[in-house]
Amino acid sequence: QTQLVESGGGLVQPGGSLRLSCAASGFTFRAYAMSWYRKAPGKERELVAVIRSSGGTTNYADSVKGRFTISRDNIKNTVYLQMNNLKPEDTAVYYCNANLYYTNYWGQGTQVTVSS
């Protein structure tokens, strides 16, 4: 059974940090590009960061460049999103995605709330 399980979300003050994790199972993790998306109320879903299967190439949305870092562990079948200097506009449900050609898997999401 294919699963992506996110964890690490929560409530944090502006300027704080969180580390999201996404544990994968049921497919060949190392072959898939892994991404983090987010969806805020009233807004379109946004691609936040992507890391290629080898882990050698990453890309980020302009809104998070310099603050967020995506990484992966192909032994633990886990992808991470380190989020620093969080801002209220980062508040959203964060989703993990696995992509290989036309195949996509999604997690259930984890809520991140940035508020004082």
C-alpha atoms as a PDB file:
ATOM      1  CA  GLN A   1       0.000   0.000   0.000  1.00  0.00           C
ATOM      2  CA  THR A   2       1.398   3.377  -1.043  1.00  0.00           C
ATOM      3  CA  GLN A   3       1.632   5.867   1.789  1.00  0.00           C
ATOM      4  CA  LEU A   4       3.032   9.314   2.415  1.00  0.00           C
ATOM      5  CA  VAL A   5       2.727  10.416   6.027  1.00  0.00           C
ATOM      6  CA  GLU A   6       3.596  13.990   6.950  1.00  0.00           C
ATOM      7  CA  SER A   7       4.516  15.139  10.441  1.00  0.00           C
ATOM      8  CA  GLY A   8       6.091  18.070  12.199  1.00  0.00           C
ATOM      9  CA  GLY A   9       3.492  20.771  11.688  1.00  0.00           C
ATOM     10  CA  GLY A  10       2.193  22.965  14.463  1.00  0.00           C
ATOM     11  CA  LEU A  11       1.864  26.473  15.820  1.00  0.00           C
ATOM     12  CA  VAL A  12       4.959  28.665  15.791  1.00  0.00           C
ATOM     13  CA  GLN A  13       5.627  32.345  16.341  1.00  0.00           C
ATOM     14  CA  PRO A  14       6.870  34.564  13.509  1.00  0.00           C
ATOM     15  CA  GLY A  15      10.600  34.132  13.092  1.00  0.00           C
ATOM     16  CA  GLY A  16      10.477  30.596  14.420  1.00  0.00           C
ATOM     17  CA  SER A  17      11.376  27.292  12.784  1.00  0.00           C
ATOM     18  CA  LEU A  18       9.743  23.971  12.037  1.00  0.00           C
ATOM     19  CA  ARG A  19      10.939  20.802  10.377  1.00  0.00           C
ATOM     20  CA  LEU A  20       8.420  18.804   8.401  1.00  0.00           C
ATOM     21  CA  SER A  21       8.955  15.140   7.624  1.00  0.00           C
ATOM     22  CA  CYS A  22       7.273  12.889   5.085  1.00  0.00           C
ATOM     23  CA  ALA A  23       7.743   9.147   5.472  1.00  0.00           C
ATOM     24  CA  ALA A  24       7.122   7.131   2.308  1.00  0.00           C
ATOM     25  CA  SER A  25       6.269   3.473   1.846  1.00  0.00           C
ATOM     26  CA  GLY A  26       4.869   1.158  -0.799  1.00  0.00           C
ATOM     27  CA  PHE A  27       6.859   2.435  -3.772  1.00  0.00           C
ATOM     28  CA  THR A  28      10.479   2.859  -4.910  1.00  0.00           C
ATOM     29  CA  PHE A  29      11.148   6.114  -3.095  1.00  0.00           C
ATOM     30  CA  ARG A  30      14.591   6.737  -4.564  1.00  0.00           C
ATOM     31  CA  ALA A  31      13.182   6.833  -8.109  1.00  0.00           C
ATOM     32  CA  TYR A  32      10.711   9.624  -7.403  1.00  0.00           C
ATOM     33  CA  ALA A  33      11.092  13.363  -7.315  1.00  0.00           C
ATOM     34  CA  MET A  34       9.707  14.605  -4.004  1.00  0.00           C
ATOM     35  CA  SER A  35       8.000  17.909  -3.428  1.00  0.00           C
ATOM     36  CA  TRP A  36       6.288  19.954  -0.772  1.00  0.00           C
ATOM     37  CA  TYR A  37       3.170  21.893  -1.659  1.00  0.00           C
ATOM     38  CA  ARG A  38       1.015  24.107   0.501  1.00  0.00           C
ATOM     39  CA  LYS A  39      -2.579  25.250   0.440  1.00  0.00           C
ATOM     40  CA  ALA A  40      -3.744  28.289   2.362  1.00  0.00           C
ATOM     41  CA  PRO A  41      -7.432  29.179   2.794  1.00  0.00           C
ATOM     42  CA  GLY A  42      -8.705  31.083  -0.223  1.00  0.00           C
ATOM     43  CA  LYS A  43      -5.509  30.541  -2.192  1.00  0.00           C
ATOM     44  CA  GLU A  44      -4.390  28.160  -4.908  1.00  0.00           C
ATOM     45  CA  ARG A  45      -2.166  25.243  -4.055  1.00  0.00           C
ATOM     46  CA  GLU A  46       1.456  26.334  -4.333  1.00  0.00           C
ATOM     47  CA  LEU A  47       4.595  24.348  -5.067  1.00  0.00           C
ATOM     48  CA  VAL A  48       7.010  25.182  -2.261  1.00  0.00           C
ATOM     49  CA  ALA A  49      10.061  23.038  -2.984  1.00  0.00           C
ATOM     50  CA  VAL A  50      11.136  20.050  -5.052  1.00  0.00           C
ATOM     51  CA  ILE A  51      14.095  17.693  -4.855  1.00  0.00           C
ATOM     52  CA  ARG A  52      15.036  15.321  -7.660  1.00  0.00           C
ATOM     53  CA  SER A  53      15.401  11.601  -7.150  1.00  0.00           C
ATOM     54  CA  SER A  54      19.167  11.716  -6.641  1.00  0.00           C
ATOM     55  CA  GLY A  55      18.883  14.628  -4.239  1.00  0.00           C
ATOM     56  CA  GLY A  56      21.319  16.662  -6.304  1.00  0.00           C
ATOM     57  CA  THR A  57      18.889  19.279  -7.621  1.00  0.00           C
ATOM     58  CA  THR A  58      16.457  21.399  -5.658  1.00  0.00           C
ATOM     59  CA  ASN A  59      14.120  24.210  -6.594  1.00  0.00           C
ATOM     60  CA  TYR A  60      12.135  26.610  -4.446  1.00  0.00           C
ATOM     61  CA  ALA A  61       9.294  29.050  -4.766  1.00  0.00           C
ATOM     62  CA  ASP A  62      10.554  32.617  -4.691  1.00  0.00           C
ATOM     63  CA  SER A  63       8.541  33.233  -1.528  1.00  0.00           C
ATOM     64  CA  VAL A  64      10.580  30.706   0.483  1.00  0.00           C
ATOM     65  CA  LYS A  65      14.062  30.955  -1.067  1.00  0.00           C
ATOM     66  CA  GLY A  66      16.714  31.444   1.567  1.00  0.00           C
ATOM     67  CA  ARG A  67      14.366  30.368   4.378  1.00  0.00           C
ATOM     68  CA  PHE A  68      13.310  26.811   3.513  1.00  0.00           C
ATOM     69  CA  THR A  69      15.498  23.796   2.716  1.00  0.00           C
ATOM     70  CA  ILE A  70      14.286  20.527   1.232  1.00  0.00           C
ATOM     71  CA  SER A  71      16.301  17.348   1.702  1.00  0.00           C
ATOM     72  CA  ARG A  72      15.809  13.616   1.420  1.00  0.00           C
ATOM     73  CA  ASP A  73      17.150  10.397   2.894  1.00  0.00           C
ATOM     74  CA  ASN A  74      16.855   7.571   0.373  1.00  0.00           C
ATOM     75  CA  ILE A  75      17.744   5.028   3.059  1.00  0.00           C
ATOM     76  CA  LYS A  76      15.002   6.123   5.444  1.00  0.00           C
ATOM     77  CA  ASN A  77      12.579   6.850   2.571  1.00  0.00           C
ATOM     78  CA  THR A  78      11.892  10.261   4.034  1.00  0.00           C
ATOM     79  CA  VAL A  79      11.823  13.794   2.707  1.00  0.00           C
ATOM     80  CA  TYR A  80      12.204  16.840   4.939  1.00  0.00           C
ATOM     81  CA  LEU A  81      11.384  20.516   4.791  1.00  0.00           C
ATOM     82  CA  GLN A  82      13.349  22.720   7.165  1.00  0.00           C
ATOM     83  CA  MET A  83      11.503  26.010   7.540  1.00  0.00           C
ATOM     84  CA  ASN A  84      13.281  28.952   9.163  1.00  0.00           C
ATOM     85  CA  ASN A  85      12.278  32.552   9.757  1.00  0.00           C
ATOM     86  CA  LEU A  86       8.641  31.633   9.376  1.00  0.00           C
ATOM     87  CA  LYS A  87       6.159  34.337   8.480  1.00  0.00           C
ATOM     88  CA  PRO A  88       2.377  34.539   8.975  1.00  0.00           C
ATOM     89  CA  GLU A  89       1.955  34.148   5.220  1.00  0.00           C
ATOM     90  CA  ASP A  90       3.535  30.691   5.490  1.00  0.00           C
ATOM     91  CA  THR A  91       0.413  29.512   7.306  1.00  0.00           C
ATOM     92  CA  ALA A  92      -1.096  26.652   5.293  1.00  0.00           C
ATOM     93  CA  VAL A  93      -1.607  22.934   5.103  1.00  0.00           C
ATOM     94  CA  TYR A  94       1.619  21.425   3.777  1.00  0.00           C
ATOM     95  CA  TYR A  95       1.433  18.354   1.545  1.00  0.00           C
ATOM     96  CA  CYS A  96       4.096  15.912   0.481  1.00  0.00           C
ATOM     97  CA  ASN A  97       4.094  14.721  -3.142  1.00  0.00           C
ATOM     98  CA  ALA A  98       5.943  11.945  -4.930  1.00  0.00           C
ATOM     99  CA  ASN A  99       6.202  12.179  -8.721  1.00  0.00           C
ATOM    100  CA  LEU A 100       7.535   9.893 -11.421  1.00  0.00           C
ATOM    101  CA  TYR A 101       6.391  10.716 -14.969  1.00  0.00           C
ATOM    102  CA  TYR A 102       2.564  10.627 -14.772  1.00  0.00           C
ATOM    103  CA  THR A 103       2.362   8.961 -11.366  1.00  0.00           C
ATOM    104  CA  ASN A 104       1.663  11.129  -8.352  1.00  0.00           C
ATOM    105  CA  TYR A 105       1.186  10.196  -4.714  1.00  0.00           C
ATOM    106  CA  TRP A 106      -0.002  12.605  -2.029  1.00  0.00           C
ATOM    107  CA  GLY A 107       0.029  12.709   1.708  1.00  0.00           C
ATOM    108  CA  GLN A 108      -2.831  13.857   3.916  1.00  0.00           C
ATOM    109  CA  GLY A 109      -1.148  17.115   4.872  1.00  0.00           C
ATOM    110  CA  THR A 110       0.075  18.747   8.064  1.00  0.00           C
ATOM    111  CA  GLN A 111      -1.070  22.127   9.342  1.00  0.00           C
ATOM    112  CA  VAL A 112       1.482  24.891   9.858  1.00  0.00           C
ATOM    113  CA  THR A 113       0.269  28.012  11.632  1.00  0.00           C
ATOM    114  CA  VAL A 114       2.517  31.021  12.106  1.00  0.00           C
ATOM    115  CA  SER A 115       1.037  33.440  14.584  1.00  0.00           C
ATOM    116  CA  SER A 116       1.938  35.452  17.651  1.00  0.00           C
END
